[in-house]
Amino acid sequence: MGRSPELRVALVQTDLHWQDKTANLAMLEEKIWDLKKKADLIILPEMFPTGFSMEAAKIAEPMNLTVCKWMKQMAAQTKATITGSVVISEGGKYYNRLLWVNPDGYTEHYDKRHLFRMANEDRIFSPGLKLPVFNLKGWEICPQVCYDLRFPLWSRNRWENNVASYDVIFYIASWPAARVSAWDALLPARAIENLSYSIGVNRIGSDGNGIAYSGHSAAYDFKGEKISDLGEKDQIQIITFSAEKLTEFRTKFPAWKDADEFRIL
């Protein structure tokens, strides 16, 4: 199936209630229903039901329980795919799991690969081993979570028969204000080096550990030029990506043909 001419994406930048799923789901449901225009994809921040907490034993849930069911309900009602990460318990392990929930209820996932050792995330959670690419309206979309942004090989776009493995890469995050300059620099870099649209959705406010977050959620085109910037406000923006513009640029500037060969072990 070819790409639809446009892809409409809603970036949800918000504060989160600390370790309170009921409050966060109610708050996000209200925000989503306030959307003035239809979106194809709604992106929520990292660990949106709880905030970025290492108390996995307290906040984790198995698949297809409260949060999963809420995401399925919201996707069905809005007729949009909804994504964001949740603390999931599975097989005696904990995962910072990005869920990709379609309006028909079909759910895929990506487990965060790079765990933030400076917060001991690597001691509590298990890393993901596979990087899926999701399809939405013919658009190939690559999921990433927060700390993944610092590791370009993991997000490298691969090409086969002149076709890219993805058209859009997105990062959901709990990226602290103290290091937001790195966030601002790396998001457009991922767009430029991968000849793709790039999105970052970060939270605002402060968490239960006193960590401050300044947002700076944004979207960039394949040249690294900013399409949208949410600043530090509690808001949702809907952006539109053009398949024609993406294809035209990749045709005129096929830098991927000169990329170095490598493989991830």
C-alpha atoms as a PDB file:
ATOM      1  CA  MET A   1       0.000   0.000   0.000  1.00  0.00           C
ATOM      2  CA  GLY A   2       1.364   3.418  -0.921  1.00  0.00           C
ATOM      3  CA  ARG A   3       1.648   6.230   1.579  1.00  0.00           C
ATOM      4  CA  SER A   4      -1.364   8.443   2.036  1.00  0.00           C
ATOM      5  CA  PRO A   5      -0.595  11.985   0.813  1.00  0.00           C
ATOM      6  CA  GLU A   6      -0.598  13.366   4.354  1.00  0.00           C
ATOM      7  CA  LEU A   7      -0.123  12.129   7.905  1.00  0.00           C
ATOM      8  CA  ARG A   8      -1.643  14.129  10.750  1.00  0.00           C
ATOM      9  CA  VAL A   9       0.086  13.706  14.107  1.00  0.00           C
ATOM     10  CA  ALA A  10      -0.947  15.091  17.510  1.00  0.00           C
ATOM     11  CA  LEU A  11       1.900  15.882  19.936  1.00  0.00           C
ATOM     12  CA  VAL A  12       0.669  15.818  23.539  1.00  0.00           C
ATOM     13  CA  GLN A  13       2.881  17.843  25.883  1.00  0.00           C
ATOM     14  CA  THR A  14       1.644  17.792  29.464  1.00  0.00           C
ATOM     15  CA  ASP A  15       2.487  17.590  33.142  1.00  0.00           C
ATOM     16  CA  LEU A  16       1.808  14.240  34.809  1.00  0.00           C
ATOM     17  CA  HIS A  17       0.431  13.235  38.197  1.00  0.00           C
ATOM     18  CA  TRP A  18       3.066  11.277  40.102  1.00  0.00           C
ATOM     19  CA  GLN A  19       2.319   7.534  40.107  1.00  0.00           C
ATOM     20  CA  ASP A  20      -1.417   8.151  39.754  1.00  0.00           C
ATOM     21  CA  LYS A  21      -2.820   6.243  36.794  1.00  0.00           C
ATOM     22  CA  THR A  22      -6.422   7.195  37.447  1.00  0.00           C
ATOM     23  CA  ALA A  23      -5.662  10.922  37.478  1.00  0.00           C
ATOM     24  CA  ASN A  24      -3.412  10.775  34.404  1.00  0.00           C
ATOM     25  CA  LEU A  25      -5.816   8.758  32.291  1.00  0.00           C
ATOM     26  CA  ALA A  26      -8.692  11.054  33.194  1.00  0.00           C
ATOM     27  CA  MET A  27      -6.615  14.149  32.429  1.00  0.00           C
ATOM     28  CA  LEU A  28      -5.354  12.797  29.103  1.00  0.00           C
ATOM     29  CA  GLU A  29      -8.800  11.628  28.066  1.00  0.00           C
ATOM     30  CA  GLU A  30     -10.120  15.151  28.540  1.00  0.00           C
ATOM     31  CA  LYS A  31      -7.244  16.645  26.539  1.00  0.00           C
ATOM     32  CA  ILE A  32      -7.696  14.171  23.691  1.00  0.00           C
ATOM     33  CA  TRP A  33     -11.405  14.871  23.472  1.00  0.00           C
ATOM     34  CA  ASP A  34     -10.658  18.593  23.282  1.00  0.00           C
ATOM     35  CA  LEU A  35      -8.779  18.119  19.999  1.00  0.00           C
ATOM     36  CA  LYS A  36     -10.332  20.395  17.420  1.00  0.00           C
ATOM     37  CA  LYS A  37      -9.158  18.418  14.402  1.00  0.00           C
ATOM     38  CA  LYS A  38      -8.827  14.745  13.548  1.00  0.00           C
ATOM     39  CA  ALA A  39      -5.422  13.148  13.928  1.00  0.00           C
ATOM     40  CA  ASP A  40      -4.132   9.893  12.459  1.00  0.00           C
ATOM     41  CA  LEU A  41      -1.656   9.418  15.314  1.00  0.00           C
ATOM     42  CA  ILE A  42      -1.700  10.688  18.915  1.00  0.00           C
ATOM     43  CA  ILE A  43       1.659  10.597  20.729  1.00  0.00           C
ATOM     44  CA  LEU A  44       1.825  10.638  24.545  1.00  0.00           C
ATOM     45  CA  PRO A  45       4.991  11.063  26.661  1.00  0.00           C
ATOM     46  CA  GLU A  46       7.162   8.350  28.189  1.00  0.00           C
ATOM     47  CA  MET A  47       5.495   6.542  31.131  1.00  0.00           C
ATOM     48  CA  PHE A  48       2.434   8.746  30.687  1.00  0.00           C
ATOM     49  CA  PRO A  49       0.276   6.877  33.267  1.00  0.00           C
ATOM     50  CA  THR A  50       2.726   7.387  36.146  1.00  0.00           C
ATOM     51  CA  GLY A  51       5.637   9.667  35.378  1.00  0.00           C
ATOM     52  CA  PHE A  52       9.202   8.356  35.023  1.00  0.00           C
ATOM     53  CA  SER A  53       9.306   6.169  38.117  1.00  0.00           C
ATOM     54  CA  MET A  54      11.703   3.387  39.069  1.00  0.00           C
ATOM     55  CA  GLU A  55       9.160   1.886  41.478  1.00  0.00           C
ATOM     56  CA  ALA A  56       8.288  -0.764  38.925  1.00  0.00           C
ATOM     57  CA  ALA A  57       6.912  -3.263  41.435  1.00  0.00           C
ATOM     58  CA  LYS A  58       4.398  -0.642  42.561  1.00  0.00           C
ATOM     59  CA  ILE A  59       3.223   0.713  39.220  1.00  0.00           C
ATOM     60  CA  ALA A  60       3.684  -2.132  36.711  1.00  0.00           C
ATOM     61  CA  GLU A  61       0.804  -3.998  35.176  1.00  0.00           C
ATOM     62  CA  PRO A  62       0.560  -6.919  32.747  1.00  0.00           C
ATOM     63  CA  MET A  63      -0.481  -6.444  29.166  1.00  0.00           C
ATOM     64  CA  ASN A  64      -4.176  -5.946  28.445  1.00  0.00           C
ATOM     65  CA  LEU A  65      -5.037  -4.540  31.834  1.00  0.00           C
ATOM     66  CA  THR A  66      -6.044  -0.988  32.835  1.00  0.00           C
ATOM     67  CA  VAL A  67      -3.828   1.212  30.656  1.00  0.00           C
ATOM     68  CA  CYS A  68      -3.894  -1.088  27.635  1.00  0.00           C
ATOM     69  CA  LYS A  69      -7.686  -1.197  27.752  1.00  0.00           C
ATOM     70  CA  TRP A  70      -7.858   2.583  28.105  1.00  0.00           C
ATOM     71  CA  MET A  71      -5.635   3.038  25.053  1.00  0.00           C
ATOM     72  CA  LYS A  72      -7.786   0.646  23.037  1.00  0.00           C
ATOM     73  CA  GLN A  73     -10.910   2.509  24.069  1.00  0.00           C
ATOM     74  CA  MET A  74      -9.445   5.908  23.172  1.00  0.00           C
ATOM     75  CA  ALA A  75      -8.118   4.643  19.838  1.00  0.00           C
ATOM     76  CA  ALA A  76     -11.510   3.187  18.935  1.00  0.00           C
ATOM     77  CA  GLN A  77     -13.384   6.345  19.910  1.00  0.00           C
ATOM     78  CA  THR A  78     -11.046   8.805  18.190  1.00  0.00           C
ATOM     79  CA  LYS A  79     -10.324   6.511  15.229  1.00  0.00           C
ATOM     80  CA  ALA A  80      -6.653   7.389  15.680  1.00  0.00           C
ATOM     81  CA  THR A  81      -3.640   5.266  16.546  1.00  0.00           C
ATOM     82  CA  ILE A  82      -2.422   6.090  20.063  1.00  0.00           C
ATOM     83  CA  THR A  83       1.107   5.538  21.379  1.00  0.00           C
ATOM     84  CA  GLY A  84       3.061   6.131  24.589  1.00  0.00           C
ATOM     85  CA  SER A  85       5.004   4.017  27.075  1.00  0.00           C
ATOM     86  CA  VAL A  86       3.787   2.068  30.094  1.00  0.00           C
ATOM     87  CA  VAL A  87       5.554   0.050  32.801  1.00  0.00           C
ATOM     88  CA  ILE A  88       4.714  -3.556  31.925  1.00  0.00           C
ATOM     89  CA  SER A  89       5.445  -6.732  33.895  1.00  0.00           C
ATOM     90  CA  GLU A  90       5.994  -9.857  31.801  1.00  0.00           C
ATOM     91  CA  GLY A  91       7.770 -13.126  32.484  1.00  0.00           C
ATOM     92  CA  GLY A  92       9.097 -11.918  35.823  1.00  0.00           C
ATOM     93  CA  LYS A  93      10.678  -8.826  34.227  1.00  0.00           C
ATOM     94  CA  TYR A  94       9.762  -5.171  33.904  1.00  0.00           C
ATOM     95  CA  TYR A  95       9.757  -3.248  30.640  1.00  0.00           C
ATOM     96  CA  ASN A  96       9.451   0.410  29.738  1.00  0.00           C
ATOM     97  CA  ARG A  97       7.131  -0.558  26.897  1.00  0.00           C
ATOM     98  CA  LEU A  98       5.922   1.709  24.129  1.00  0.00           C
ATOM     99  CA  LEU A  99       2.467   0.552  23.050  1.00  0.00           C
ATOM    100  CA  TRP A 100       1.160   1.215  19.548  1.00  0.00           C
ATOM    101  CA  VAL A 101      -2.614   0.809  19.613  1.00  0.00           C
ATOM    102  CA  ASN A 102      -4.719   0.986  16.462  1.00  0.00           C
ATOM    103  CA  PRO A 103      -8.417   1.897  16.295  1.00  0.00           C
ATOM    104  CA  ASP A 104      -9.342  -1.746  15.649  1.00  0.00           C
ATOM    105  CA  GLY A 105      -7.566  -2.747  18.874  1.00  0.00           C
ATOM    106  CA  TYR A 106      -4.557  -4.357  17.212  1.00  0.00           C
ATOM    107  CA  THR A 107      -1.582  -3.604  19.439  1.00  0.00           C
ATOM    108  CA  GLU A 108       2.156  -3.704  18.777  1.00  0.00           C
ATOM    109  CA  HIS A 109       4.981  -2.667  21.051  1.00  0.00           C
ATOM    110  CA  TYR A 110       8.597  -1.602  21.396  1.00  0.00           C
ATOM    111  CA  ASP A 111      10.578  -2.131  24.593  1.00  0.00           C
ATOM    112  CA  LYS A 112      13.013   0.699  25.343  1.00  0.00           C
ATOM    113  CA  ARG A 113      16.475  -0.410  24.276  1.00  0.00           C
ATOM    114  CA  HIS A 114      18.742   2.088  26.035  1.00  0.00           C
ATOM    115  CA  LEU A 115      17.947   2.222  29.726  1.00  0.00           C
ATOM    116  CA  PHE A 116      19.025   5.342  31.589  1.00  0.00           C
ATOM    117  CA  ARG A 117      21.681   4.080  33.969  1.00  0.00           C
ATOM    118  CA  MET A 118      22.057   7.454  35.686  1.00  0.00           C
ATOM    119  CA  ALA A 119      18.595   6.837  37.175  1.00  0.00           C
ATOM    120  CA  ASN A 120      19.254   3.075  37.674  1.00  0.00           C
ATOM    121  CA  GLU A 121      16.710   2.235  34.989  1.00  0.00           C
ATOM    122  CA  ASP A 122      19.113  -0.458  33.741  1.00  0.00           C
ATOM    123  CA  ARG A 123      18.993  -2.204  37.135  1.00  0.00           C
ATOM    124  CA  ILE A 124      15.218  -2.387  37.285  1.00  0.00           C
ATOM    125  CA  PHE A 125      14.036  -2.789  33.706  1.00  0.00           C
ATOM    126  CA  SER A 126      15.009  -5.227  30.963  1.00  0.00           C
ATOM    127  CA  PRO A 127      16.111  -3.775  27.610  1.00  0.00           C
ATOM    128  CA  GLY A 128      14.323  -4.354  24.339  1.00  0.00           C
ATOM    129  CA  LEU A 129      16.135  -6.483  21.775  1.00  0.00           C
ATOM    130  CA  LYS A 130      14.164  -5.651  18.638  1.00  0.00           C
ATOM    131  CA  LEU A 131      13.298  -2.420  16.865  1.00  0.00           C
ATOM    132  CA  PRO A 132       9.991  -2.688  15.022  1.00  0.00           C
ATOM    133  CA  VAL A 133       8.712  -0.339  12.340  1.00  0.00           C
ATOM    134  CA  PHE A 134       4.996   0.367  12.479  1.00  0.00           C
ATOM    135  CA  ASN A 135       2.808   1.056   9.451  1.00  0.00           C
ATOM    136  CA  LEU A 136       0.092   3.696   9.476  1.00  0.00           C
ATOM    137  CA  LYS A 137      -1.750   4.669   6.291  1.00  0.00           C
ATOM    138  CA  GLY A 138       1.234   3.424   4.283  1.00  0.00           C
ATOM    139  CA  TRP A 139       3.716   5.488   6.332  1.00  0.00           C
ATOM    140  CA  GLU A 140       6.530   3.539   7.975  1.00  0.00           C
ATOM    141  CA  ILE A 141       7.135   4.825  11.492  1.00  0.00           C
ATOM    142  CA  CYS A 142      10.049   4.043  13.817  1.00  0.00           C
ATOM    143  CA  PRO A 143       9.495   4.200  17.615  1.00  0.00           C
ATOM    144  CA  GLN A 144      12.123   5.328  20.110  1.00  0.00           C
ATOM    145  CA  VAL A 145      12.089   6.160  23.817  1.00  0.00           C
ATOM    146  CA  CYS A 146      13.970   9.029  25.481  1.00  0.00           C
ATOM    147  CA  TYR A 147      17.609   7.932  26.099  1.00  0.00           C
ATOM    148  CA  ASP A 148      17.552   6.140  22.706  1.00  0.00           C
ATOM    149  CA  LEU A 149      17.977   9.613  21.204  1.00  0.00           C
ATOM    150  CA  ARG A 150      21.672   9.624  22.146  1.00  0.00           C
ATOM    151  CA  PHE A 151      22.444   6.488  20.112  1.00  0.00           C
ATOM    152  CA  PRO A 152      22.218   7.151  16.355  1.00  0.00           C
ATOM    153  CA  LEU A 153      23.159   3.645  15.207  1.00  0.00           C
ATOM    154  CA  TRP A 154      20.056   2.196  16.862  1.00  0.00           C
ATOM    155  CA  SER A 155      17.872   4.662  14.985  1.00  0.00           C
ATOM    156  CA  ARG A 156      19.700   4.448  11.662  1.00  0.00           C
ATOM    157  CA  ASN A 157      17.413   4.357   8.654  1.00  0.00           C
ATOM    158  CA  ARG A 158      18.178   1.389   6.411  1.00  0.00           C
ATOM    159  CA  TRP A 159      17.478   1.259   2.693  1.00  0.00           C
ATOM    160  CA  GLU A 160      16.658  -1.698   0.485  1.00  0.00           C
ATOM    161  CA  ASN A 161      15.883  -1.404  -3.218  1.00  0.00           C
ATOM    162  CA  ASN A 162      15.878   2.392  -2.892  1.00  0.00           C
ATOM    163  CA  VAL A 163      13.203   2.235  -0.181  1.00  0.00           C
ATOM    164  CA  ALA A 164      13.765   3.478   3.374  1.00  0.00           C
ATOM    165  CA  SER A 165      12.841   1.315   6.327  1.00  0.00           C
ATOM    166  CA  TYR A 166      10.947   4.279   7.790  1.00  0.00           C
ATOM    167  CA  ASP A 167       9.551   7.711   6.906  1.00  0.00           C
ATOM    168  CA  VAL A 168       9.037   9.094  10.410  1.00  0.00           C
ATOM    169  CA  ILE A 169      11.025   8.567  13.601  1.00  0.00           C
ATOM    170  CA  PHE A 170       9.555   9.656  16.925  1.00  0.00           C
ATOM    171  CA  TYR A 171      10.838   9.880  20.487  1.00  0.00           C
ATOM    172  CA  ILE A 172       8.665   9.879  23.587  1.00  0.00           C
ATOM    173  CA  ALA A 173      10.486  11.171  26.620  1.00  0.00           C
ATOM    174  CA  SER A 174      10.894  12.279  30.198  1.00  0.00           C
ATOM    175  CA  TRP A 175      13.893  14.419  29.289  1.00  0.00           C
ATOM    176  CA  PRO A 176      14.994  16.696  32.165  1.00  0.00           C
ATOM    177  CA  ALA A 177      15.229  20.446  31.738  1.00  0.00           C
ATOM    178  CA  ALA A 178      18.852  20.336  32.876  1.00  0.00           C
ATOM    179  CA  ARG A 179      19.838  18.610  29.617  1.00  0.00           C
ATOM    180  CA  VAL A 180      17.260  20.004  27.214  1.00  0.00           C
ATOM    181  CA  SER A 181      19.966  21.545  25.006  1.00  0.00           C
ATOM    182  CA  ALA A 182      20.980  18.010  23.981  1.00  0.00           C
ATOM    183  CA  TRP A 183      17.335  17.203  23.181  1.00  0.00           C
ATOM    184  CA  ASP A 184      17.059  20.320  21.018  1.00  0.00           C
ATOM    185  CA  ALA A 185      20.245  19.423  19.122  1.00  0.00           C
ATOM    186  CA  LEU A 186      19.722  15.713  18.578  1.00  0.00           C
ATOM    187  CA  LEU A 187      16.127  15.710  17.328  1.00  0.00           C
ATOM    188  CA  PRO A 188      16.925  17.620  14.115  1.00  0.00           C
ATOM    189  CA  ALA A 189      20.133  15.607  13.729  1.00  0.00           C
ATOM    190  CA  ARG A 190      18.107  12.384  13.605  1.00  0.00           C
ATOM    191  CA  ALA A 191      15.927  13.903  10.877  1.00  0.00           C
ATOM    192  CA  ILE A 192      18.887  15.055   8.790  1.00  0.00           C
ATOM    193  CA  GLU A 193      20.957  11.891   8.954  1.00  0.00           C
ATOM    194  CA  ASN A 194      17.989   9.595   8.293  1.00  0.00           C
ATOM    195  CA  LEU A 195      16.238  11.663   5.606  1.00  0.00           C
ATOM    196  CA  SER A 196      13.021  11.378   7.569  1.00  0.00           C
ATOM    197  CA  TYR A 197      10.588  13.402   9.598  1.00  0.00           C
ATOM    198  CA  SER A 198      11.533  13.496  13.276  1.00  0.00           C
ATOM    199  CA  ILE A 199       9.282  14.034  16.305  1.00  0.00           C
ATOM    200  CA  GLY A 200      10.004  14.425  19.998  1.00  0.00           C
ATOM    201  CA  VAL A 201       7.275  14.437  22.653  1.00  0.00           C
ATOM    202  CA  ASN A 202       8.493  15.360  26.118  1.00  0.00           C
ATOM    203  CA  ARG A 203       6.638  16.128  29.345  1.00  0.00           C
ATOM    204  CA  ILE A 204       6.627  19.317  31.427  1.00  0.00           C
ATOM    205  CA  GLY A 205       6.354  19.984  35.166  1.00  0.00           C
ATOM    206  CA  SER A 206       8.181  18.240  38.013  1.00  0.00           C
ATOM    207  CA  ASP A 207       8.023  14.614  39.147  1.00  0.00           C
ATOM    208  CA  GLY A 208       7.957  13.014  42.587  1.00  0.00           C
ATOM    209  CA  ASN A 209      11.740  13.045  42.709  1.00  0.00           C
ATOM    210  CA  GLY A 210      11.906  16.783  42.176  1.00  0.00           C
ATOM    211  CA  ILE A 211      13.164  16.476  38.576  1.00  0.00           C
ATOM    212  CA  ALA A 212      12.022  19.363  36.371  1.00  0.00           C
ATOM    213  CA  TYR A 213      10.991  18.935  32.734  1.00  0.00           C
ATOM    214  CA  SER A 214      10.730  21.794  30.257  1.00  0.00           C
ATOM    215  CA  GLY A 215       8.998  20.141  27.318  1.00  0.00           C
ATOM    216  CA  HIS A 216      10.447  21.442  24.047  1.00  0.00           C
ATOM    217  CA  SER A 217       8.382  18.868  22.151  1.00  0.00           C
ATOM    218  CA  ALA A 218       8.909  19.496  18.456  1.00  0.00           C
ATOM    219  CA  ALA A 219       8.764  18.142  14.927  1.00  0.00           C
ATOM    220  CA  TYR A 220      11.342  18.499  12.153  1.00  0.00           C
ATOM    221  CA  ASP A 221      11.319  17.782   8.452  1.00  0.00           C
ATOM    222  CA  PHE A 222      13.877  15.709   6.529  1.00  0.00           C
ATOM    223  CA  LYS A 223      16.195  18.732   6.226  1.00  0.00           C
ATOM    224  CA  GLY A 224      16.174  19.314   9.966  1.00  0.00           C
ATOM    225  CA  GLU A 225      13.966  22.367   9.648  1.00  0.00           C
ATOM    226  CA  LYS A 226      11.522  22.890  12.485  1.00  0.00           C
ATOM    227  CA  ILE A 227       7.855  22.332  11.663  1.00  0.00           C
ATOM    228  CA  SER A 228       6.424  22.687  15.150  1.00  0.00           C
ATOM    229  CA  ASP A 229       7.647  23.746  18.587  1.00  0.00           C
ATOM    230  CA  LEU A 230       5.518  23.407  21.722  1.00  0.00           C
ATOM    231  CA  GLY A 231       7.908  25.362  23.903  1.00  0.00           C
ATOM    232  CA  GLU A 232       7.281  24.848  27.605  1.00  0.00           C
ATOM    233  CA  LYS A 233       3.483  25.106  27.537  1.00  0.00           C
ATOM    234  CA  ASP A 234       0.909  22.482  28.461  1.00  0.00           C
ATOM    235  CA  GLN A 235      -0.614  21.992  25.014  1.00  0.00           C
ATOM    236  CA  ILE A 236      -1.342  19.729  22.069  1.00  0.00           C
ATOM    237  CA  GLN A 237      -0.370  20.541  18.512  1.00  0.00           C
ATOM    238  CA  ILE A 238      -1.433  18.690  15.382  1.00  0.00           C
ATOM    239  CA  ILE A 239       1.124  18.701  12.575  1.00  0.00           C
ATOM    240  CA  THR A 240       0.843  17.482   9.003  1.00  0.00           C
ATOM    241  CA  PHE A 241       3.551  15.599   7.107  1.00  0.00           C
ATOM    242  CA  SER A 242       3.657  15.535   3.297  1.00  0.00           C
ATOM    243  CA  ALA A 243       4.558  12.329   1.467  1.00  0.00           C
ATOM    244  CA  GLU A 244       5.199  14.241  -1.761  1.00  0.00           C
ATOM    245  CA  LYS A 245       7.742  16.575  -0.163  1.00  0.00           C
ATOM    246  CA  LEU A 246       9.531  13.677   1.522  1.00  0.00           C
ATOM    247  CA  THR A 247       9.798  11.667  -1.697  1.00  0.00           C
ATOM    248  CA  GLU A 248      10.920  14.695  -3.690  1.00  0.00           C
ATOM    249  CA  PHE A 249      13.747  15.492  -1.279  1.00  0.00           C
ATOM    250  CA  ARG A 250      14.942  11.887  -1.052  1.00  0.00           C
ATOM    251  CA  THR A 251      15.048  11.728  -4.849  1.00  0.00           C
ATOM    252  CA  LYS A 252      16.974  14.978  -5.270  1.00  0.00           C
ATOM    253  CA  PHE A 253      19.327  14.392  -2.331  1.00  0.00           C
ATOM    254  CA  PRO A 254      19.956  10.609  -1.943  1.00  0.00           C
ATOM    255  CA  ALA A 255      22.677  10.914   0.711  1.00  0.00           C
ATOM    256  CA  TRP A 256      21.736   7.465   2.004  1.00  0.00           C
ATOM    257  CA  LYS A 257      23.567   5.922  -0.962  1.00  0.00           C
ATOM    258  CA  ASP A 258      26.879   7.002   0.586  1.00  0.00           C
ATOM    259  CA  ALA A 259      26.159   5.743   4.102  1.00  0.00           C
ATOM    260  CA  ASP A 260      28.629   3.395   5.805  1.00  0.00           C
ATOM    261  CA  GLU A 261      27.712  -0.268   6.076  1.00  0.00           C
ATOM    262  CA  PHE A 262      27.313  -1.758   9.544  1.00  0.00           C
ATOM    263  CA  ARG A 263      25.236  -4.218  11.517  1.00  0.00           C
ATOM    264  CA  ILE A 264      24.088  -4.317  15.143  1.00  0.00           C
ATOM    265  CA  LEU A 265      25.145  -7.462  16.958  1.00  0.00           C
END
